[in-house]
Amino acid sequence: MAKVSSPTETERCIESLIAVFQKYAGQEGNNCTLSKLEFLNFMNTELAAFTKNQKDPGVLDRMMKKLDLNSDGQLDFQEFLNLIGGIAMACHASFFANPAAIPRRK
């Protein structure tokens, strides 16, 4: 019988992204997409520091429109991943601008 190994750190991160998406998707109906309100709830809860630091009140609306590649007024999982990827890239770039801020694994 094959031994089942524990999920890797990367696999756990992927599971977490799926779980977070599912936590917000479907609050208003379709559990495969984020509506505008679900997106706003996600941003204000999960990325509160980013949201709170925005001076422009329309930034989240513009983000939603830019992420909504098929213009259906909702974000599917791929469109959600584009948001996460963009944020990860911005964080990665800022870490290289300040190498002392790079999180290190023990």
PDB file of N, CA and C in Angstrom:
ATOM      1  N   MET A   1       0.844  -1.182   0.000  1.00  0.00           N
ATOM      2  CA  MET A   1       0.000   0.000   0.000  1.00  0.00           C
ATOM      3  C   MET A   1       0.890   1.245   0.000  1.00  0.00           C
ATOM      4  N   ALA A   2       0.588   2.200  -0.877  1.00  0.00           N
ATOM      5  CA  ALA A   2       1.387   3.416  -0.985  1.00  0.00           C
ATOM      6  C   ALA A   2       1.120   4.338   0.190  1.00  0.00           C
ATOM      7  N   LYS A   3       2.192   4.922   0.680  1.00  0.00           N
ATOM      8  CA  LYS A   3       2.072   5.860   1.796  1.00  0.00           C
ATOM      9  C   LYS A   3       1.557   7.210   1.264  1.00  0.00           C
ATOM     10  N   VAL A   4       0.568   7.766   1.917  1.00  0.00           N
ATOM     11  CA  VAL A   4       0.030   9.074   1.547  1.00  0.00           C
ATOM     12  C   VAL A   4       0.855  10.126   2.273  1.00  0.00           C
ATOM     13  N   SER A   5       1.493  10.991   1.490  1.00  0.00           N
ATOM     14  CA  SER A   5       2.321  12.015   2.121  1.00  0.00           C
ATOM     15  C   SER A   5       1.485  13.242   2.469  1.00  0.00           C
ATOM     16  N   SER A   6       2.006  13.996   3.394  1.00  0.00           N
ATOM     17  CA  SER A   6       1.352  15.253   3.774  1.00  0.00           C
ATOM     18  C   SER A   6       1.480  16.239   2.630  1.00  0.00           C
ATOM     19  N   PRO A   7       0.510  17.148   2.507  1.00  0.00           N
ATOM     20  CA  PRO A   7       0.613  18.149   1.444  1.00  0.00           C
ATOM     21  C   PRO A   7       1.853  19.025   1.656  1.00  0.00           C
ATOM     22  N   THR A   8       2.445  19.429   0.558  1.00  0.00           N
ATOM     23  CA  THR A   8       3.586  20.337   0.627  1.00  0.00           C
ATOM     24  C   THR A   8       3.102  21.735   0.979  1.00  0.00           C
ATOM     25  N   GLU A   9       4.021  22.615   1.273  1.00  0.00           N
ATOM     26  CA  GLU A   9       3.658  23.995   1.577  1.00  0.00           C
ATOM     27  C   GLU A   9       2.937  24.641   0.395  1.00  0.00           C
ATOM     28  N   THR A  10       3.412  24.366  -0.804  1.00  0.00           N
ATOM     29  CA  THR A  10       2.777  24.918  -2.011  1.00  0.00           C
ATOM     30  C   THR A  10       1.374  24.365  -2.181  1.00  0.00           C
ATOM     31  N   GLU A  11       1.199  23.069  -1.960  1.00  0.00           N
ATOM     32  CA  GLU A  11      -0.135  22.469  -2.066  1.00  0.00           C
ATOM     33  C   GLU A  11      -1.085  23.067  -1.023  1.00  0.00           C
ATOM     34  N   ARG A  12      -0.587  23.313   0.177  1.00  0.00           N
ATOM     35  CA  ARG A  12      -1.424  23.947   1.209  1.00  0.00           C
ATOM     36  C   ARG A  12      -1.809  25.371   0.815  1.00  0.00           C
ATOM     37  N   CYS A  13      -0.885  26.094   0.178  1.00  0.00           N
ATOM     38  CA  CYS A  13      -1.186  27.457  -0.281  1.00  0.00           C
ATOM     39  C   CYS A  13      -2.272  27.442  -1.350  1.00  0.00           C
ATOM     40  N   ILE A  14      -2.193  26.488  -2.269  1.00  0.00           N
ATOM     41  CA  ILE A  14      -3.217  26.363  -3.315  1.00  0.00           C
ATOM     42  C   ILE A  14      -4.565  26.027  -2.688  1.00  0.00           C
ATOM     43  N   GLU A  15      -4.570  25.087  -1.749  1.00  0.00           N
ATOM     44  CA  GLU A  15      -5.812  24.740  -1.041  1.00  0.00           C
ATOM     45  C   GLU A  15      -6.383  25.960  -0.334  1.00  0.00           C
ATOM     46  N   SER A  16      -5.522  26.782   0.251  1.00  0.00           N
ATOM     47  CA  SER A  16      -5.978  27.995   0.947  1.00  0.00           C
ATOM     48  C   SER A  16      -6.609  28.986  -0.017  1.00  0.00           C
ATOM     49  N   LEU A  17      -5.997  29.177  -1.187  1.00  0.00           N
ATOM     50  CA  LEU A  17      -6.569  30.089  -2.185  1.00  0.00           C
ATOM     51  C   LEU A  17      -7.952  29.628  -2.627  1.00  0.00           C
ATOM     52  N   ILE A  18      -8.086  28.327  -2.851  1.00  0.00           N
ATOM     53  CA  ILE A  18      -9.389  27.783  -3.255  1.00  0.00           C
ATOM     54  C   ILE A  18     -10.404  27.995  -2.138  1.00  0.00           C
ATOM     55  N   ALA A  19     -10.001  27.721  -0.893  1.00  0.00           N
ATOM     56  CA  ALA A  19     -10.910  27.869   0.248  1.00  0.00           C
ATOM     57  C   ALA A  19     -11.349  29.325   0.428  1.00  0.00           C
ATOM     58  N   VAL A  20     -10.428  30.253   0.264  1.00  0.00           N
ATOM     59  CA  VAL A  20     -10.780  31.674   0.410  1.00  0.00           C
ATOM     60  C   VAL A  20     -11.746  32.094  -0.689  1.00  0.00           C
ATOM     61  N   PHE A  21     -11.475  31.676  -1.925  1.00  0.00           N
ATOM     62  CA  PHE A  21     -12.388  31.997  -3.020  1.00  0.00           C
ATOM     63  C   PHE A  21     -13.785  31.454  -2.714  1.00  0.00           C
ATOM     64  N   GLN A  22     -13.855  30.199  -2.294  1.00  0.00           N
ATOM     65  CA  GLN A  22     -15.149  29.573  -1.999  1.00  0.00           C
ATOM     66  C   GLN A  22     -15.861  30.224  -0.816  1.00  0.00           C
ATOM     67  N   LYS A  23     -15.102  30.766   0.116  1.00  0.00           N
ATOM     68  CA  LYS A  23     -15.691  31.450   1.276  1.00  0.00           C
ATOM     69  C   LYS A  23     -16.538  32.647   0.835  1.00  0.00           C
ATOM     70  N   TYR A  24     -16.088  33.353  -0.200  1.00  0.00           N
ATOM     71  CA  TYR A  24     -16.781  34.564  -0.654  1.00  0.00           C
ATOM     72  C   TYR A  24     -17.686  34.319  -1.853  1.00  0.00           C
ATOM     73  N   ALA A  25     -17.331  33.385  -2.723  1.00  0.00           N
ATOM     74  CA  ALA A  25     -18.139  33.103  -3.909  1.00  0.00           C
ATOM     75  C   ALA A  25     -19.454  32.453  -3.489  1.00  0.00           C
ATOM     76  N   GLY A  26     -20.518  32.848  -4.128  1.00  0.00           N
ATOM     77  CA  GLY A  26     -21.805  32.220  -3.875  1.00  0.00           C
ATOM     78  C   GLY A  26     -22.623  32.831  -2.762  1.00  0.00           C
ATOM     79  N   GLN A  27     -22.103  33.836  -2.103  1.00  0.00           N
ATOM     80  CA  GLN A  27     -22.900  34.494  -1.066  1.00  0.00           C
ATOM     81  C   GLN A  27     -24.157  35.114  -1.667  1.00  0.00           C
ATOM     82  N   GLU A  28     -24.064  35.458  -2.953  1.00  0.00           N
ATOM     83  CA  GLU A  28     -25.215  36.046  -3.645  1.00  0.00           C
ATOM     84  C   GLU A  28     -25.782  35.128  -4.722  1.00  0.00           C
ATOM     85  N   GLY A  29     -25.372  33.878  -4.738  1.00  0.00           N
ATOM     86  CA  GLY A  29     -25.944  32.979  -5.736  1.00  0.00           C
ATOM     87  C   GLY A  29     -24.944  32.019  -6.332  1.00  0.00           C
ATOM     88  N   ASN A  30     -24.232  32.439  -7.391  1.00  0.00           N
ATOM     89  CA  ASN A  30     -23.322  31.562  -8.121  1.00  0.00           C
ATOM     90  C   ASN A  30     -22.075  31.293  -7.294  1.00  0.00           C
ATOM     91  N   ASN A  31     -21.857  30.021  -6.917  1.00  0.00           N
ATOM     92  CA  ASN A  31     -20.700  29.705  -6.081  1.00  0.00           C
ATOM     93  C   ASN A  31     -19.424  29.492  -6.892  1.00  0.00           C
ATOM     94  N   CYS A  32     -19.462  29.797  -8.183  1.00  0.00           N
ATOM     95  CA  CYS A  32     -18.279  29.687  -9.044  1.00  0.00           C
ATOM     96  C   CYS A  32     -17.702  31.050  -9.395  1.00  0.00           C
ATOM     97  N   THR A  33     -18.340  32.123  -8.921  1.00  0.00           N
ATOM     98  CA  THR A  33     -17.870  33.472  -9.243  1.00  0.00           C
ATOM     99  C   THR A  33     -18.032  34.385  -8.031  1.00  0.00           C
ATOM    100  N   LEU A  34     -17.303  35.489  -8.088  1.00  0.00           N
ATOM    101  CA  LEU A  34     -17.467  36.561  -7.113  1.00  0.00           C
ATOM    102  C   LEU A  34     -18.253  37.687  -7.772  1.00  0.00           C
ATOM    103  N   SER A  35     -19.369  38.054  -7.174  1.00  0.00           N
ATOM    104  CA  SER A  35     -20.105  39.236  -7.633  1.00  0.00           C
ATOM    105  C   SER A  35     -19.327  40.472  -7.172  1.00  0.00           C
ATOM    106  N   LYS A  36     -19.786  41.631  -7.581  1.00  0.00           N
ATOM    107  CA  LYS A  36     -19.124  42.866  -7.153  1.00  0.00           C
ATOM    108  C   LYS A  36     -19.145  42.978  -5.626  1.00  0.00           C
ATOM    109  N   LEU A  37     -20.287  42.700  -5.006  1.00  0.00           N
ATOM    110  CA  LEU A  37     -20.388  42.782  -3.549  1.00  0.00           C
ATOM    111  C   LEU A  37     -19.486  41.744  -2.873  1.00  0.00           C
ATOM    112  N   GLU A  38     -19.444  40.536  -3.423  1.00  0.00           N
ATOM    113  CA  GLU A  38     -18.574  39.490  -2.865  1.00  0.00           C
ATOM    114  C   GLU A  38     -17.103  39.880  -3.004  1.00  0.00           C
ATOM    115  N   PHE A  39     -16.751  40.474  -4.148  1.00  0.00           N
ATOM    116  CA  PHE A  39     -15.389  40.969  -4.351  1.00  0.00           C
ATOM    117  C   PHE A  39     -15.050  42.039  -3.322  1.00  0.00           C
ATOM    118  N   LEU A  40     -15.963  42.978  -3.118  1.00  0.00           N
ATOM    119  CA  LEU A  40     -15.728  44.035  -2.128  1.00  0.00           C
ATOM    120  C   LEU A  40     -15.589  43.446  -0.726  1.00  0.00           C
ATOM    121  N   ASN A  41     -16.432  42.468  -0.382  1.00  0.00           N
ATOM    122  CA  ASN A  41     -16.311  41.804   0.917  1.00  0.00           C
ATOM    123  C   ASN A  41     -14.953  41.125   1.058  1.00  0.00           C
ATOM    124  N   PHE A  42     -14.524  40.427   0.006  1.00  0.00           N
ATOM    125  CA  PHE A  42     -13.211  39.780   0.009  1.00  0.00           C
ATOM    126  C   PHE A  42     -12.108  40.810   0.239  1.00  0.00           C
ATOM    127  N   MET A  43     -12.116  41.864  -0.560  1.00  0.00           N
ATOM    128  CA  MET A  43     -11.060  42.879  -0.472  1.00  0.00           C
ATOM    129  C   MET A  43     -11.040  43.548   0.903  1.00  0.00           C
ATOM    130  N   ASN A  44     -12.223  43.904   1.419  1.00  0.00           N
ATOM    131  CA  ASN A  44     -12.292  44.605   2.702  1.00  0.00           C
ATOM    132  C   ASN A  44     -11.957  43.718   3.889  1.00  0.00           C
ATOM    133  N   THR A  45     -12.059  42.404   3.714  1.00  0.00           N
ATOM    134  CA  THR A  45     -11.762  41.471   4.799  1.00  0.00           C
ATOM    135  C   THR A  45     -10.368  40.871   4.660  1.00  0.00           C
ATOM    136  N   GLU A  46     -10.096  40.297   3.506  1.00  0.00           N
ATOM    137  CA  GLU A  46      -8.850  39.545   3.319  1.00  0.00           C
ATOM    138  C   GLU A  46      -7.660  40.440   2.957  1.00  0.00           C
ATOM    139  N   LEU A  47      -7.922  41.569   2.343  1.00  0.00           N
ATOM    140  CA  LEU A  47      -6.856  42.507   1.964  1.00  0.00           C
ATOM    141  C   LEU A  47      -7.152  43.882   2.546  1.00  0.00           C
ATOM    142  N   ALA A  48      -7.546  43.884   3.801  1.00  0.00           N
ATOM    143  CA  ALA A  48      -7.997  45.111   4.468  1.00  0.00           C
ATOM    144  C   ALA A  48      -6.917  46.188   4.519  1.00  0.00           C
ATOM    145  N   ALA A  49      -5.671  45.803   4.725  1.00  0.00           N
ATOM    146  CA  ALA A  49      -4.599  46.803   4.787  1.00  0.00           C
ATOM    147  C   ALA A  49      -4.478  47.527   3.449  1.00  0.00           C
ATOM    148  N   PHE A  50      -4.560  46.788   2.355  1.00  0.00           N
ATOM    149  CA  PHE A  50      -4.511  47.388   1.022  1.00  0.00           C
ATOM    150  C   PHE A  50      -5.701  48.320   0.828  1.00  0.00           C
ATOM    151  N   THR A  51      -6.883  47.827   1.135  1.00  0.00           N
ATOM    152  CA  THR A  51      -8.115  48.594   0.924  1.00  0.00           C
ATOM    153  C   THR A  51      -8.123  49.865   1.768  1.00  0.00           C
ATOM    154  N   LYS A  52      -7.723  49.733   3.021  1.00  0.00           N
ATOM    155  CA  LYS A  52      -7.750  50.871   3.941  1.00  0.00           C
ATOM    156  C   LYS A  52      -6.796  51.979   3.504  1.00  0.00           C
ATOM    157  N   ASN A  53      -5.687  51.616   2.860  1.00  0.00           N
ATOM    158  CA  ASN A  53      -4.685  52.598   2.463  1.00  0.00           C
ATOM    159  C   ASN A  53      -4.994  53.298   1.151  1.00  0.00           C
ATOM    160  N   GLN A  54      -6.095  52.951   0.499  1.00  0.00           N
ATOM    161  CA  GLN A  54      -6.449  53.575  -0.774  1.00  0.00           C
ATOM    162  C   GLN A  54      -7.117  54.925  -0.533  1.00  0.00           C
ATOM    163  N   LYS A  55      -6.584  55.942  -1.192  1.00  0.00           N
ATOM    164  CA  LYS A  55      -7.154  57.287  -1.065  1.00  0.00           C
ATOM    165  C   LYS A  55      -8.317  57.485  -2.046  1.00  0.00           C
ATOM    166  N   ASP A  56      -8.291  56.750  -3.142  1.00  0.00           N
ATOM    167  CA  ASP A  56      -9.299  56.881  -4.192  1.00  0.00           C
ATOM    168  C   ASP A  56     -10.440  55.899  -3.928  1.00  0.00           C
ATOM    169  N   PRO A  57     -11.655  56.397  -3.660  1.00  0.00           N
ATOM    170  CA  PRO A  57     -12.771  55.492  -3.358  1.00  0.00           C
ATOM    171  C   PRO A  57     -13.204  54.617  -4.530  1.00  0.00           C
ATOM    172  N   GLY A  58     -12.811  54.954  -5.750  1.00  0.00           N
ATOM    173  CA  GLY A  58     -13.208  54.177  -6.916  1.00  0.00           C
ATOM    174  C   GLY A  58     -12.219  53.099  -7.319  1.00  0.00           C
ATOM    175  N   VAL A  59     -11.143  52.936  -6.549  1.00  0.00           N
ATOM    176  CA  VAL A  59     -10.094  52.004  -6.951  1.00  0.00           C
ATOM    177  C   VAL A  59     -10.602  50.561  -7.032  1.00  0.00           C
ATOM    178  N   LEU A  60     -11.443  50.145  -6.097  1.00  0.00           N
ATOM    179  CA  LEU A  60     -11.929  48.762  -6.113  1.00  0.00           C
ATOM    180  C   LEU A  60     -12.863  48.512  -7.303  1.00  0.00           C
ATOM    181  N   ASP A  61     -13.674  49.493  -7.648  1.00  0.00           N
ATOM    182  CA  ASP A  61     -14.536  49.360  -8.829  1.00  0.00           C
ATOM    183  C   ASP A  61     -13.692  49.199 -10.092  1.00  0.00           C
ATOM    184  N   ARG A  62     -12.643  50.006 -10.210  1.00  0.00           N
ATOM    185  CA  ARG A  62     -11.778  49.910 -11.387  1.00  0.00           C
ATOM    186  C   ARG A  62     -11.017  48.587 -11.411  1.00  0.00           C
ATOM    187  N   MET A  63     -10.591  48.119 -10.242  1.00  0.00           N
ATOM    188  CA  MET A  63      -9.920  46.819 -10.173  1.00  0.00           C
ATOM    189  C   MET A  63     -10.850  45.720 -10.654  1.00  0.00           C
ATOM    190  N   MET A  64     -12.091  45.749 -10.172  1.00  0.00           N
ATOM    191  CA  MET A  64     -13.068  44.731 -10.559  1.00  0.00           C
ATOM    192  C   MET A  64     -13.256  44.733 -12.076  1.00  0.00           C
ATOM    193  N   LYS A  65     -13.418  45.917 -12.671  1.00  0.00           N
ATOM    194  CA  LYS A  65     -13.624  46.008 -14.121  1.00  0.00           C
ATOM    195  C   LYS A  65     -12.409  45.501 -14.891  1.00  0.00           C
ATOM    196  N   LYS A  66     -11.215  45.829 -14.408  1.00  0.00           N
ATOM    197  CA  LYS A  66      -9.998  45.389 -15.096  1.00  0.00           C
ATOM    198  C   LYS A  66      -9.810  43.873 -14.975  1.00  0.00           C
ATOM    199  N   LEU A  67     -10.145  43.316 -13.838  1.00  0.00           N
ATOM    200  CA  LEU A  67      -9.999  41.871 -13.621  1.00  0.00           C
ATOM    201  C   LEU A  67     -11.049  41.068 -14.378  1.00  0.00           C
ATOM    202  N   ASP A  68     -12.220  41.649 -14.597  1.00  0.00           N
ATOM    203  CA  ASP A  68     -13.350  40.964 -15.232  1.00  0.00           C
ATOM    204  C   ASP A  68     -13.125  40.883 -16.744  1.00  0.00           C
ATOM    205  N   LEU A  69     -12.285  39.944 -17.152  1.00  0.00           N
ATOM    206  CA  LEU A  69     -11.854  39.860 -18.554  1.00  0.00           C
ATOM    207  C   LEU A  69     -12.991  39.585 -19.525  1.00  0.00           C
ATOM    208  N   ASN A  70     -13.998  38.849 -19.109  1.00  0.00           N
ATOM    209  CA  ASN A  70     -15.109  38.540 -20.017  1.00  0.00           C
ATOM    210  C   ASN A  70     -16.289  39.502 -19.836  1.00  0.00           C
ATOM    211  N   SER A  71     -16.122  40.507 -19.016  1.00  0.00           N
ATOM    212  CA  SER A  71     -17.114  41.580 -18.814  1.00  0.00           C
ATOM    213  C   SER A  71     -18.493  41.064 -18.434  1.00  0.00           C
ATOM    214  N   ASP A  72     -18.537  40.020 -17.598  1.00  0.00           N
ATOM    215  CA  ASP A  72     -19.839  39.498 -17.157  1.00  0.00           C
ATOM    216  C   ASP A  72     -20.259  40.058 -15.800  1.00  0.00           C
ATOM    217  N   GLY A  73     -19.469  40.986 -15.249  1.00  0.00           N
ATOM    218  CA  GLY A  73     -19.814  41.589 -13.969  1.00  0.00           C
ATOM    219  C   GLY A  73     -19.460  40.725 -12.773  1.00  0.00           C
ATOM    220  N   GLN A  74     -18.736  39.639 -13.006  1.00  0.00           N
ATOM    221  CA  GLN A  74     -18.342  38.735 -11.934  1.00  0.00           C
ATOM    222  C   GLN A  74     -16.907  38.291 -12.170  1.00  0.00           C
ATOM    223  N   LEU A  75     -16.261  37.793 -11.121  1.00  0.00           N
ATOM    224  CA  LEU A  75     -14.919  37.252 -11.252  1.00  0.00           C
ATOM    225  C   LEU A  75     -14.962  35.751 -11.067  1.00  0.00           C
ATOM    226  N   ASP A  76     -14.526  35.022 -12.093  1.00  0.00           N
ATOM    227  CA  ASP A  76     -14.406  33.578 -11.930  1.00  0.00           C
ATOM    228  C   ASP A  76     -13.056  33.289 -11.263  1.00  0.00           C
ATOM    229  N   PHE A  77     -12.757  32.016 -11.040  1.00  0.00           N
ATOM    230  CA  PHE A  77     -11.548  31.666 -10.299  1.00  0.00           C
ATOM    231  C   PHE A  77     -10.292  32.113 -11.044  1.00  0.00           C
ATOM    232  N   GLN A  78     -10.267  31.986 -12.358  1.00  0.00           N
ATOM    233  CA  GLN A  78      -9.102  32.436 -13.136  1.00  0.00           C
ATOM    234  C   GLN A  78      -8.895  33.942 -12.971  1.00  0.00           C
ATOM    235  N   GLU A  79      -9.964  34.707 -13.049  1.00  0.00           N
ATOM    236  CA  GLU A  79      -9.860  36.158 -12.883  1.00  0.00           C
ATOM    237  C   GLU A  79      -9.412  36.500 -11.459  1.00  0.00           C
ATOM    238  N   PHE A  80      -9.890  35.753 -10.478  1.00  0.00           N
ATOM    239  CA  PHE A  80      -9.459  35.911  -9.092  1.00  0.00           C
ATOM    240  C   PHE A  80      -7.961  35.636  -8.971  1.00  0.00           C
ATOM    241  N   LEU A  81      -7.489  34.579  -9.630  1.00  0.00           N
ATOM    242  CA  LEU A  81      -6.065  34.252  -9.583  1.00  0.00           C
ATOM    243  C   LEU A  81      -5.218  35.348 -10.229  1.00  0.00           C
ATOM    244  N   ASN A  82      -5.751  36.039 -11.225  1.00  0.00           N
ATOM    245  CA  ASN A  82      -5.032  37.174 -11.811  1.00  0.00           C
ATOM    246  C   ASN A  82      -4.806  38.256 -10.765  1.00  0.00           C
ATOM    247  N   LEU A  83      -5.798  38.500  -9.919  1.00  0.00           N
ATOM    248  CA  LEU A  83      -5.655  39.456  -8.819  1.00  0.00           C
ATOM    249  C   LEU A  83      -4.570  38.991  -7.864  1.00  0.00           C
ATOM    250  N   ILE A  84      -4.654  37.738  -7.428  1.00  0.00           N
ATOM    251  CA  ILE A  84      -3.691  37.206  -6.465  1.00  0.00           C
ATOM    252  C   ILE A  84      -2.280  37.244  -7.054  1.00  0.00           C
ATOM    253  N   GLY A  85      -2.155  36.860  -8.322  1.00  0.00           N
ATOM    254  CA  GLY A  85      -0.850  36.894  -8.984  1.00  0.00           C
ATOM    255  C   GLY A  85      -0.283  38.302  -9.065  1.00  0.00           C
ATOM    256  N   GLY A  86      -1.124  39.260  -9.383  1.00  0.00           N
ATOM    257  CA  GLY A  86      -0.673  40.653  -9.455  1.00  0.00           C
ATOM    258  C   GLY A  86      -0.206  41.168  -8.108  1.00  0.00           C
ATOM    259  N   ILE A  87      -0.929  40.824  -7.069  1.00  0.00           N
ATOM    260  CA  ILE A  87      -0.535  41.245  -5.719  1.00  0.00           C
ATOM    261  C   ILE A  87       0.775  40.561  -5.329  1.00  0.00           C
ATOM    262  N   ALA A  88       0.890  39.268  -5.634  1.00  0.00           N
ATOM    263  CA  ALA A  88       2.120  38.539  -5.317  1.00  0.00           C
ATOM    264  C   ALA A  88       3.314  39.141  -6.050  1.00  0.00           C
ATOM    265  N   MET A  89       3.119  39.521  -7.308  1.00  0.00           N
ATOM    266  CA  MET A  89       4.210  40.127  -8.068  1.00  0.00           C
ATOM    267  C   MET A  89       4.623  41.476  -7.469  1.00  0.00           C
ATOM    268  N   ALA A  90       3.645  42.269  -7.051  1.00  0.00           N
ATOM    269  CA  ALA A  90       3.954  43.563  -6.440  1.00  0.00           C
ATOM    270  C   ALA A  90       4.709  43.374  -5.123  1.00  0.00           C
ATOM    271  N   CYS A  91       4.298  42.393  -4.332  1.00  0.00           N
ATOM    272  CA  CYS A  91       4.993  42.106  -3.072  1.00  0.00           C
ATOM    273  C   CYS A  91       6.414  41.627  -3.346  1.00  0.00           C
ATOM    274  N   HIS A  92       6.564  40.767  -4.323  1.00  0.00           N
ATOM    275  CA  HIS A  92       7.878  40.247  -4.688  1.00  0.00           C
ATOM    276  C   HIS A  92       8.797  41.385  -5.106  1.00  0.00           C
ATOM    277  N   ALA A  93       8.297  42.295  -5.925  1.00  0.00           N
ATOM    278  CA  ALA A  93       9.095  43.443  -6.373  1.00  0.00           C
ATOM    279  C   ALA A  93       9.486  44.322  -5.194  1.00  0.00           C
ATOM    280  N   SER A  94       8.561  44.524  -4.252  1.00  0.00           N
ATOM    281  CA  SER A  94       8.893  45.375  -3.100  1.00  0.00           C
ATOM    282  C   SER A  94       9.915  44.706  -2.194  1.00  0.00           C
ATOM    283  N   PHE A  95       9.892  43.383  -2.113  1.00  0.00           N
ATOM    284  CA  PHE A  95      10.899  42.679  -1.316  1.00  0.00           C
ATOM    285  C   PHE A  95      12.290  42.887  -1.912  1.00  0.00           C
ATOM    286  N   PHE A  96      12.396  42.888  -3.243  1.00  0.00           N
ATOM    287  CA  PHE A  96      13.699  43.088  -3.862  1.00  0.00           C
ATOM    288  C   PHE A  96      14.158  44.528  -3.742  1.00  0.00           C
ATOM    289  N   ALA A  97      13.225  45.453  -3.596  1.00  0.00           N
ATOM    290  CA  ALA A  97      13.585  46.843  -3.361  1.00  0.00           C
ATOM    291  C   ALA A  97      14.107  47.019  -1.939  1.00  0.00           C
ATOM    292  N   ASN A  98      13.687  46.114  -1.041  1.00  0.00           N
ATOM    293  CA  ASN A  98      14.110  46.147   0.360  1.00  0.00           C
ATOM    294  C   ASN A  98      14.442  44.715   0.791  1.00  0.00           C
ATOM    295  N   PRO A  99      15.642  44.215   0.452  1.00  0.00           N
ATOM    296  CA  PRO A  99      15.986  42.811   0.719  1.00  0.00           C
ATOM    297  C   PRO A  99      15.832  42.394   2.180  1.00  0.00           C
ATOM    298  N   ALA A 100      15.961  43.312   3.108  1.00  0.00           N
ATOM    299  CA  ALA A 100      15.818  42.953   4.525  1.00  0.00           C
ATOM    300  C   ALA A 100      14.387  42.535   4.860  1.00  0.00           C
ATOM    301  N   ALA A 101      13.424  42.909   4.006  1.00  0.00           N
ATOM    302  CA  ALA A 101      12.014  42.592   4.263  1.00  0.00           C
ATOM    303  C   ALA A 101      11.608  41.221   3.733  1.00  0.00           C
ATOM    304  N   ILE A 102      12.484  40.531   3.016  1.00  0.00           N
ATOM    305  CA  ILE A 102      12.144  39.238   2.432  1.00  0.00           C
ATOM    306  C   ILE A 102      11.924  38.223   3.547  1.00  0.00           C
ATOM    307  N   PRO A 103      10.728  37.603   3.588  1.00  0.00           N
ATOM    308  CA  PRO A 103      10.487  36.598   4.632  1.00  0.00           C
ATOM    309  C   PRO A 103      11.347  35.365   4.376  1.00  0.00           C
ATOM    310  N   ARG A 104      11.957  34.853   5.402  1.00  0.00           N
ATOM    311  CA  ARG A 104      12.823  33.685   5.287  1.00  0.00           C
ATOM    312  C   ARG A 104      12.201  32.509   6.020  1.00  0.00           C
ATOM    313  N   ARG A 105      12.277  31.340   5.418  1.00  0.00           N
ATOM    314  CA  ARG A 105      11.792  30.099   6.037  1.00  0.00           C
ATOM    315  C   ARG A 105      12.881  29.528   6.900  1.00  0.00           C
ATOM    316  N   LYS A 106      12.485  28.939   7.987  1.00  0.00           N
ATOM    317  CA  LYS A 106      13.452  28.306   8.885  1.00  0.00           C
ATOM    318  C   LYS A 106      13.664  26.882   8.513  1.00  0.00           C
TER     319      LYS A 106
END
